[in-house]
Amino acid sequence: MGSRLRLPILMACLLGSGVFFPLSLVPDGVAAVLRLLPLSPVLELLRAGWAGGSAVQPMIVLAVWIGVAIYAVRRWFRWDPRR
């Protein structure tokens, strides 16, 4: 992935996760998609821990993102052995 693409993707994840505005302000269909972004489950887990609530769905989404990240690191990051 090019370095020019990293910041817009990071900003989209940050804006869409509910950090700056609650996801209850956007339509339900859009909110359902935004809840699948990588930072959204972190905020939902924070809210579930603070106010109580279900943490199952955010944990599943977070586990999938962790799996994707592990796959991406193993696939596209090349590491030289240490000497």
PDB file of N, CA and C in Angstrom:
ATOM      1  N   MET A   1       0.851  -1.158   0.000  1.00  0.00           N
ATOM      2  CA  MET A   1       0.000   0.000   0.000  1.00  0.00           C
ATOM      3  C   MET A   1       0.902   1.228   0.000  1.00  0.00           C
ATOM      4  N   GLY A   2       0.575   2.170  -0.833  1.00  0.00           N
ATOM      5  CA  GLY A   2       1.391   3.367  -0.936  1.00  0.00           C
ATOM      6  C   GLY A   2       1.261   4.257   0.281  1.00  0.00           C
ATOM      7  N   SER A   3       2.285   5.049   0.496  1.00  0.00           N
ATOM      8  CA  SER A   3       2.272   5.917   1.673  1.00  0.00           C
ATOM      9  C   SER A   3       1.232   7.028   1.547  1.00  0.00           C
ATOM     10  N   ARG A   4       0.836   7.354   0.330  1.00  0.00           N
ATOM     11  CA  ARG A   4      -0.205   8.384   0.147  1.00  0.00           C
ATOM     12  C   ARG A   4      -1.575   7.906   0.569  1.00  0.00           C
ATOM     13  N   LEU A   5      -1.765   6.600   0.635  1.00  0.00           N
ATOM     14  CA  LEU A   5      -3.065   6.032   0.956  1.00  0.00           C
ATOM     15  C   LEU A   5      -3.265   5.813   2.451  1.00  0.00           C
ATOM     16  N   ARG A   6      -2.202   5.818   3.218  1.00  0.00           N
ATOM     17  CA  ARG A   6      -2.313   5.464   4.636  1.00  0.00           C
ATOM     18  C   ARG A   6      -3.100   6.490   5.442  1.00  0.00           C
ATOM     19  N   LEU A   7      -2.815   7.759   5.269  1.00  0.00           N
ATOM     20  CA  LEU A   7      -3.491   8.786   6.062  1.00  0.00           C
ATOM     21  C   LEU A   7      -4.991   8.866   5.754  1.00  0.00           C
ATOM     22  N   PRO A   8      -5.424   8.855   4.489  1.00  0.00           N
ATOM     23  CA  PRO A   8      -6.877   8.877   4.250  1.00  0.00           C
ATOM     24  C   PRO A   8      -7.598   7.659   4.824  1.00  0.00           C
ATOM     25  N   ILE A   9      -6.965   6.492   4.770  1.00  0.00           N
ATOM     26  CA  ILE A   9      -7.593   5.302   5.344  1.00  0.00           C
ATOM     27  C   ILE A   9      -7.676   5.435   6.860  1.00  0.00           C
ATOM     28  N   LEU A  10      -6.624   5.926   7.488  1.00  0.00           N
ATOM     29  CA  LEU A  10      -6.632   6.130   8.931  1.00  0.00           C
ATOM     30  C   LEU A  10      -7.696   7.146   9.331  1.00  0.00           C
ATOM     31  N   MET A  11      -7.800   8.231   8.585  1.00  0.00           N
ATOM     32  CA  MET A  11      -8.809   9.253   8.896  1.00  0.00           C
ATOM     33  C   MET A  11     -10.225   8.716   8.700  1.00  0.00           C
ATOM     34  N   ALA A  12     -10.438   7.910   7.665  1.00  0.00           N
ATOM     35  CA  ALA A  12     -11.765   7.321   7.446  1.00  0.00           C
ATOM     36  C   ALA A  12     -12.140   6.390   8.596  1.00  0.00           C
ATOM     37  N   CYS A  13     -11.192   5.602   9.063  1.00  0.00           N
ATOM     38  CA  CYS A  13     -11.460   4.719  10.201  1.00  0.00           C
ATOM     39  C   CYS A  13     -11.725   5.519  11.462  1.00  0.00           C
ATOM     40  N   LEU A  14     -10.986   6.594  11.655  1.00  0.00           N
ATOM     41  CA  LEU A  14     -11.161   7.425  12.841  1.00  0.00           C
ATOM     42  C   LEU A  14     -12.501   8.158  12.812  1.00  0.00           C
ATOM     43  N   LEU A  15     -12.837   8.745  11.672  1.00  0.00           N
ATOM     44  CA  LEU A  15     -14.111   9.470  11.559  1.00  0.00           C
ATOM     45  C   LEU A  15     -15.309   8.529  11.608  1.00  0.00           C
ATOM     46  N   GLY A  16     -15.172   7.359  11.022  1.00  0.00           N
ATOM     47  CA  GLY A  16     -16.297   6.432  10.957  1.00  0.00           C
ATOM     48  C   GLY A  16     -16.503   5.600  12.198  1.00  0.00           C
ATOM     49  N   SER A  17     -15.575   5.642  13.135  1.00  0.00           N
ATOM     50  CA  SER A  17     -15.686   4.774  14.301  1.00  0.00           C
ATOM     51  C   SER A  17     -16.562   5.344  15.405  1.00  0.00           C
ATOM     52  N   GLY A  18     -16.891   6.604  15.326  1.00  0.00           N
ATOM     53  CA  GLY A  18     -17.710   7.210  16.364  1.00  0.00           C
ATOM     54  C   GLY A  18     -16.897   7.993  17.372  1.00  0.00           C
ATOM     55  N   VAL A  19     -15.658   8.306  17.071  1.00  0.00           N
ATOM     56  CA  VAL A  19     -14.833   9.089  17.983  1.00  0.00           C
ATOM     57  C   VAL A  19     -15.314  10.535  18.028  1.00  0.00           C
ATOM     58  N   PHE A  20     -15.614  11.108  16.875  1.00  0.00           N
ATOM     59  CA  PHE A  20     -15.982  12.523  16.790  1.00  0.00           C
ATOM     60  C   PHE A  20     -17.480  12.768  16.880  1.00  0.00           C
ATOM     61  N   PHE A  21     -18.284  11.801  16.479  1.00  0.00           N
ATOM     62  CA  PHE A  21     -19.739  11.929  16.572  1.00  0.00           C
ATOM     63  C   PHE A  21     -20.318  10.540  16.790  1.00  0.00           C
ATOM     64  N   PRO A  22     -21.417  10.426  17.508  1.00  0.00           N
ATOM     65  CA  PRO A  22     -21.994   9.098  17.757  1.00  0.00           C
ATOM     66  C   PRO A  22     -22.581   8.493  16.490  1.00  0.00           C
ATOM     67  N   LEU A  23     -22.487   7.184  16.387  1.00  0.00           N
ATOM     68  CA  LEU A  23     -23.019   6.488  15.218  1.00  0.00           C
ATOM     69  C   LEU A  23     -24.540   6.502  15.191  1.00  0.00           C
ATOM     70  N   SER A  24     -25.162   6.924  16.275  1.00  0.00           N
ATOM     71  CA  SER A  24     -26.626   7.015  16.285  1.00  0.00           C
ATOM     72  C   SER A  24     -27.124   8.185  15.439  1.00  0.00           C
ATOM     73  N   LEU A  25     -26.235   9.096  15.031  1.00  0.00           N
ATOM     74  CA  LEU A  25     -26.634  10.237  14.200  1.00  0.00           C
ATOM     75  C   LEU A  25     -26.726   9.890  12.719  1.00  0.00           C
ATOM     76  N   VAL A  26     -26.108   8.789  12.303  1.00  0.00           N
ATOM     77  CA  VAL A  26     -26.126   8.408  10.886  1.00  0.00           C
ATOM     78  C   VAL A  26     -27.227   7.381  10.667  1.00  0.00           C
ATOM     79  N   PRO A  27     -27.677   7.203   9.422  1.00  0.00           N
ATOM     80  CA  PRO A  27     -28.714   6.199   9.154  1.00  0.00           C
ATOM     81  C   PRO A  27     -28.267   4.790   9.556  1.00  0.00           C
ATOM     82  N   ASP A  28     -29.243   3.941   9.831  1.00  0.00           N
ATOM     83  CA  ASP A  28     -28.958   2.602  10.357  1.00  0.00           C
ATOM     84  C   ASP A  28     -28.069   1.780   9.428  1.00  0.00           C
ATOM     85  N   GLY A  29     -28.303   1.837   8.123  1.00  0.00           N
ATOM     86  CA  GLY A  29     -27.491   1.066   7.180  1.00  0.00           C
ATOM     87  C   GLY A  29     -26.038   1.508   7.169  1.00  0.00           C
ATOM     88  N   VAL A  30     -25.842   2.814   7.219  1.00  0.00           N
ATOM     89  CA  VAL A  30     -24.475   3.358   7.245  1.00  0.00           C
ATOM     90  C   VAL A  30     -23.811   3.023   8.571  1.00  0.00           C
ATOM     91  N   ALA A  31     -24.556   3.113   9.660  1.00  0.00           N
ATOM     92  CA  ALA A  31     -24.002   2.803  10.980  1.00  0.00           C
ATOM     93  C   ALA A  31     -23.589   1.339  11.073  1.00  0.00           C
ATOM     94  N   ALA A  32     -24.363   0.452  10.436  1.00  0.00           N
ATOM     95  CA  ALA A  32     -24.011  -0.976  10.459  1.00  0.00           C
ATOM     96  C   ALA A  32     -22.681  -1.212   9.751  1.00  0.00           C
ATOM     97  N   VAL A  33     -22.443  -0.498   8.657  1.00  0.00           N
ATOM     98  CA  VAL A  33     -21.164  -0.638   7.943  1.00  0.00           C
ATOM     99  C   VAL A  33     -20.033  -0.003   8.748  1.00  0.00           C
ATOM    100  N   LEU A  34     -20.289   1.151   9.339  1.00  0.00           N
ATOM    101  CA  LEU A  34     -19.256   1.834  10.115  1.00  0.00           C
ATOM    102  C   LEU A  34     -18.853   1.046  11.358  1.00  0.00           C
ATOM    103  N   ARG A  35     -19.751   0.229  11.885  1.00  0.00           N
ATOM    104  CA  ARG A  35     -19.413  -0.597  13.051  1.00  0.00           C
ATOM    105  C   ARG A  35     -18.432  -1.711  12.711  1.00  0.00           C
ATOM    106  N   LEU A  36     -18.179  -1.930  11.431  1.00  0.00           N
ATOM    107  CA  LEU A  36     -17.229  -2.962  11.015  1.00  0.00           C
ATOM    108  C   LEU A  36     -15.827  -2.408  10.783  1.00  0.00           C
ATOM    109  N   LEU A  37     -15.627  -1.108  10.971  1.00  0.00           N
ATOM    110  CA  LEU A  37     -14.298  -0.522  10.825  1.00  0.00           C
ATOM    111  C   LEU A  37     -13.411  -0.953  11.998  1.00  0.00           C
ATOM    112  N   PRO A  38     -12.097  -0.902  11.841  1.00  0.00           N
ATOM    113  CA  PRO A  38     -11.214  -1.432  12.887  1.00  0.00           C
ATOM    114  C   PRO A  38     -11.282  -0.730  14.242  1.00  0.00           C
ATOM    115  N   LEU A  39     -11.569   0.553  14.295  1.00  0.00           N
ATOM    116  CA  LEU A  39     -11.593   1.252  15.585  1.00  0.00           C
ATOM    117  C   LEU A  39     -12.957   1.207  16.269  1.00  0.00           C
ATOM    118  N   SER A  40     -13.998   0.889  15.533  1.00  0.00           N
ATOM    119  CA  SER A  40     -15.344   0.866  16.116  1.00  0.00           C
ATOM    120  C   SER A  40     -15.496  -0.152  17.237  1.00  0.00           C
ATOM    121  N   PRO A  41     -15.007  -1.397  17.089  1.00  0.00           N
ATOM    122  CA  PRO A  41     -15.179  -2.335  18.205  1.00  0.00           C
ATOM    123  C   PRO A  41     -14.436  -1.909  19.469  1.00  0.00           C
ATOM    124  N   VAL A  42     -13.348  -1.207  19.318  1.00  0.00           N
ATOM    125  CA  VAL A  42     -12.616  -0.734  20.497  1.00  0.00           C
ATOM    126  C   VAL A  42     -13.485   0.248  21.280  1.00  0.00           C
ATOM    127  N   LEU A  43     -14.115   1.178  20.570  1.00  0.00           N
ATOM    128  CA  LEU A  43     -14.991   2.139  21.255  1.00  0.00           C
ATOM    129  C   LEU A  43     -16.228   1.464  21.825  1.00  0.00           C
ATOM    130  N   GLU A  44     -16.783   0.485  21.110  1.00  0.00           N
ATOM    131  CA  GLU A  44     -17.958  -0.221  21.622  1.00  0.00           C
ATOM    132  C   GLU A  44     -17.613  -1.035  22.864  1.00  0.00           C
ATOM    133  N   LEU A  45     -16.409  -1.621  22.905  1.00  0.00           N
ATOM    134  CA  LEU A  45     -15.982  -2.337  24.103  1.00  0.00           C
ATOM    135  C   LEU A  45     -15.785  -1.377  25.266  1.00  0.00           C
ATOM    136  N   LEU A  46     -15.253  -0.210  24.983  1.00  0.00           N
ATOM    137  CA  LEU A  46     -15.093   0.809  26.021  1.00  0.00           C
ATOM    138  C   LEU A  46     -16.449   1.222  26.580  1.00  0.00           C
ATOM    139  N   ARG A  47     -17.403   1.460  25.685  1.00  0.00           N
ATOM    140  CA  ARG A  47     -18.752   1.840  26.136  1.00  0.00           C
ATOM    141  C   ARG A  47     -19.431   0.699  26.889  1.00  0.00           C
ATOM    142  N   ALA A  48     -19.241  -0.552  26.423  1.00  0.00           N
ATOM    143  CA  ALA A  48     -19.848  -1.701  27.108  1.00  0.00           C
ATOM    144  C   ALA A  48     -19.260  -1.869  28.503  1.00  0.00           C
ATOM    145  N   GLY A  49     -17.968  -1.630  28.643  1.00  0.00           N
ATOM    146  CA  GLY A  49     -17.356  -1.726  29.961  1.00  0.00           C
ATOM    147  C   GLY A  49     -17.775  -0.605  30.884  1.00  0.00           C
ATOM    148  N   TRP A  50     -18.006   0.557  30.315  1.00  0.00           N
ATOM    149  CA  TRP A  50     -18.373   1.726  31.124  1.00  0.00           C
ATOM    150  C   TRP A  50     -19.836   1.673  31.559  1.00  0.00           C
ATOM    151  N   ALA A  51     -20.728   1.405  30.603  1.00  0.00           N
ATOM    152  CA  ALA A  51     -22.155   1.481  30.892  1.00  0.00           C
ATOM    153  C   ALA A  51     -22.819   0.115  30.986  1.00  0.00           C
ATOM    154  N   GLY A  52     -22.052  -0.932  30.756  1.00  0.00           N
ATOM    155  CA  GLY A  52     -22.642  -2.263  30.749  1.00  0.00           C
ATOM    156  C   GLY A  52     -23.275  -2.532  29.401  1.00  0.00           C
ATOM    157  N   GLY A  53     -23.326  -3.755  29.024  1.00  0.00           N
ATOM    158  CA  GLY A  53     -23.910  -4.123  27.745  1.00  0.00           C
ATOM    159  C   GLY A  53     -23.178  -5.304  27.149  1.00  0.00           C
ATOM    160  N   SER A  54     -23.611  -5.682  26.001  1.00  0.00           N
ATOM    161  CA  SER A  54     -23.046  -6.849  25.335  1.00  0.00           C
ATOM    162  C   SER A  54     -21.716  -6.507  24.672  1.00  0.00           C
ATOM    163  N   ALA A  55     -20.753  -7.391  24.840  1.00  0.00           N
ATOM    164  CA  ALA A  55     -19.438  -7.196  24.242  1.00  0.00           C
ATOM    165  C   ALA A  55     -19.110  -8.291  23.243  1.00  0.00           C
ATOM    166  N   VAL A  56     -20.091  -9.119  22.888  1.00  0.00           N
ATOM    167  CA  VAL A  56     -19.824 -10.256  22.011  1.00  0.00           C
ATOM    168  C   VAL A  56     -19.553  -9.803  20.580  1.00  0.00           C
ATOM    169  N   GLN A  57     -20.429  -9.005  20.009  1.00  0.00           N
ATOM    170  CA  GLN A  57     -20.262  -8.582  18.611  1.00  0.00           C
ATOM    171  C   GLN A  57     -18.997  -7.761  18.402  1.00  0.00           C
ATOM    172  N   PRO A  58     -18.673  -6.782  19.270  1.00  0.00           N
ATOM    173  CA  PRO A  58     -17.404  -6.066  19.085  1.00  0.00           C
ATOM    174  C   PRO A  58     -16.184  -6.971  19.214  1.00  0.00           C
ATOM    175  N   MET A  59     -16.236  -7.974  20.089  1.00  0.00           N
ATOM    176  CA  MET A  59     -15.110  -8.894  20.228  1.00  0.00           C
ATOM    177  C   MET A  59     -14.911  -9.722  18.957  1.00  0.00           C
ATOM    178  N   ILE A  60     -16.002 -10.122  18.321  1.00  0.00           N
ATOM    179  CA  ILE A  60     -15.900 -10.885  17.070  1.00  0.00           C
ATOM    180  C   ILE A  60     -15.301 -10.021  15.974  1.00  0.00           C
ATOM    181  N   VAL A  61     -15.789  -8.795  15.840  1.00  0.00           N
ATOM    182  CA  VAL A  61     -15.260  -7.886  14.816  1.00  0.00           C
ATOM    183  C   VAL A  61     -13.784  -7.599  15.069  1.00  0.00           C
ATOM    184  N   LEU A  62     -13.419  -7.384  16.311  1.00  0.00           N
ATOM    185  CA  LEU A  62     -12.028  -7.116  16.650  1.00  0.00           C
ATOM    186  C   LEU A  62     -11.145  -8.333  16.369  1.00  0.00           C
ATOM    187  N   ALA A  63     -11.642  -9.527  16.655  1.00  0.00           N
ATOM    188  CA  ALA A  63     -10.874 -10.748  16.371  1.00  0.00           C
ATOM    189  C   ALA A  63     -10.652 -10.920  14.870  1.00  0.00           C
ATOM    190  N   VAL A  64     -11.661 -10.584  14.069  1.00  0.00           N
ATOM    191  CA  VAL A  64     -11.496 -10.668  12.617  1.00  0.00           C
ATOM    192  C   VAL A  64     -10.444  -9.675  12.139  1.00  0.00           C
ATOM    193  N   TRP A  65     -10.474  -8.450  12.654  1.00  0.00           N
ATOM    194  CA  TRP A  65      -9.474  -7.453  12.257  1.00  0.00           C
ATOM    195  C   TRP A  65      -8.074  -7.857  12.694  1.00  0.00           C
ATOM    196  N   ILE A  66      -7.951  -8.473  13.850  1.00  0.00           N
ATOM    197  CA  ILE A  66      -6.642  -8.954  14.291  1.00  0.00           C
ATOM    198  C   ILE A  66      -6.152 -10.063  13.365  1.00  0.00           C
ATOM    199  N   GLY A  67      -7.048 -10.944  12.962  1.00  0.00           N
ATOM    200  CA  GLY A  67      -6.684 -11.995  12.003  1.00  0.00           C
ATOM    201  C   GLY A  67      -6.247 -11.418  10.668  1.00  0.00           C
ATOM    202  N   VAL A  68      -6.958 -10.418  10.177  1.00  0.00           N
ATOM    203  CA  VAL A  68      -6.575  -9.752   8.927  1.00  0.00           C
ATOM    204  C   VAL A  68      -5.210  -9.091   9.063  1.00  0.00           C
ATOM    205  N   ALA A  69      -4.967  -8.455  10.198  1.00  0.00           N
ATOM    206  CA  ALA A  69      -3.676  -7.799  10.418  1.00  0.00           C
ATOM    207  C   ALA A  69      -2.538  -8.807  10.476  1.00  0.00           C
ATOM    208  N   ILE A  70      -2.740  -9.927  11.139  1.00  0.00           N
ATOM    209  CA  ILE A  70      -1.702 -10.958  11.201  1.00  0.00           C
ATOM    210  C   ILE A  70      -1.413 -11.504   9.804  1.00  0.00           C
ATOM    211  N   TYR A  71      -2.462 -11.763   9.038  1.00  0.00           N
ATOM    212  CA  TYR A  71      -2.268 -12.238   7.671  1.00  0.00           C
ATOM    213  C   TYR A  71      -1.497 -11.214   6.840  1.00  0.00           C
ATOM    214  N   ALA A  72      -1.863  -9.933   6.957  1.00  0.00           N
ATOM    215  CA  ALA A  72      -1.204  -8.887   6.174  1.00  0.00           C
ATOM    216  C   ALA A  72       0.275  -8.761   6.544  1.00  0.00           C
ATOM    217  N   VAL A  73       0.571  -8.848   7.822  1.00  0.00           N
ATOM    218  CA  VAL A  73       1.970  -8.742   8.252  1.00  0.00           C
ATOM    219  C   VAL A  73       2.783  -9.910   7.707  1.00  0.00           C
ATOM    220  N   ARG A  74       2.239 -11.097   7.810  1.00  0.00           N
ATOM    221  CA  ARG A  74       2.977 -12.259   7.308  1.00  0.00           C
ATOM    222  C   ARG A  74       3.084 -12.271   5.791  1.00  0.00           C
ATOM    223  N   ARG A  75       2.108 -11.716   5.120  1.00  0.00           N
ATOM    224  CA  ARG A  75       2.085 -11.760   3.656  1.00  0.00           C
ATOM    225  C   ARG A  75       2.932 -10.651   3.033  1.00  0.00           C
ATOM    226  N   TRP A  76       2.807  -9.405   3.529  1.00  0.00           N
ATOM    227  CA  TRP A  76       3.409  -8.274   2.838  1.00  0.00           C
ATOM    228  C   TRP A  76       4.612  -7.653   3.540  1.00  0.00           C
ATOM    229  N   PHE A  77       4.825  -7.951   4.800  1.00  0.00           N
ATOM    230  CA  PHE A  77       5.981  -7.399   5.499  1.00  0.00           C
ATOM    231  C   PHE A  77       7.109  -8.415   5.423  1.00  0.00           C
ATOM    232  N   ARG A  78       8.219  -7.983   4.951  1.00  0.00           N
ATOM    233  CA  ARG A  78       9.380  -8.864   4.859  1.00  0.00           C
ATOM    234  C   ARG A  78      10.377  -8.484   5.941  1.00  0.00           C
ATOM    235  N   TRP A  79      10.773  -9.474   6.705  1.00  0.00           N
ATOM    236  CA  TRP A  79      11.697  -9.246   7.806  1.00  0.00           C
ATOM    237  C   TRP A  79      13.013  -9.935   7.506  1.00  0.00           C
ATOM    238  N   ASP A  80      14.097  -9.235   7.727  1.00  0.00           N
ATOM    239  CA  ASP A  80      15.420  -9.824   7.585  1.00  0.00           C
ATOM    240  C   ASP A  80      15.803 -10.485   8.894  1.00  0.00           C
ATOM    241  N   PRO A  81      16.456 -11.633   8.811  1.00  0.00           N
ATOM    242  CA  PRO A  81      16.870 -12.281  10.068  1.00  0.00           C
ATOM    243  C   PRO A  81      17.949 -11.460  10.776  1.00  0.00           C
ATOM    244  N   ARG A  82      17.904 -11.487  12.079  1.00  0.00           N
ATOM    245  CA  ARG A  82      18.904 -10.761  12.861  1.00  0.00           C
ATOM    246  C   ARG A  82      20.188 -11.561  12.902  1.00  0.00           C
ATOM    247  N   ARG A  83      21.294 -10.861  13.011  1.00  0.00           N
ATOM    248  CA  ARG A  83      22.591 -11.547  13.059  1.00  0.00           C
ATOM    249  C   ARG A  83      23.230 -11.358  14.378  1.00  0.00           C
TER     250      ARG A  83
END
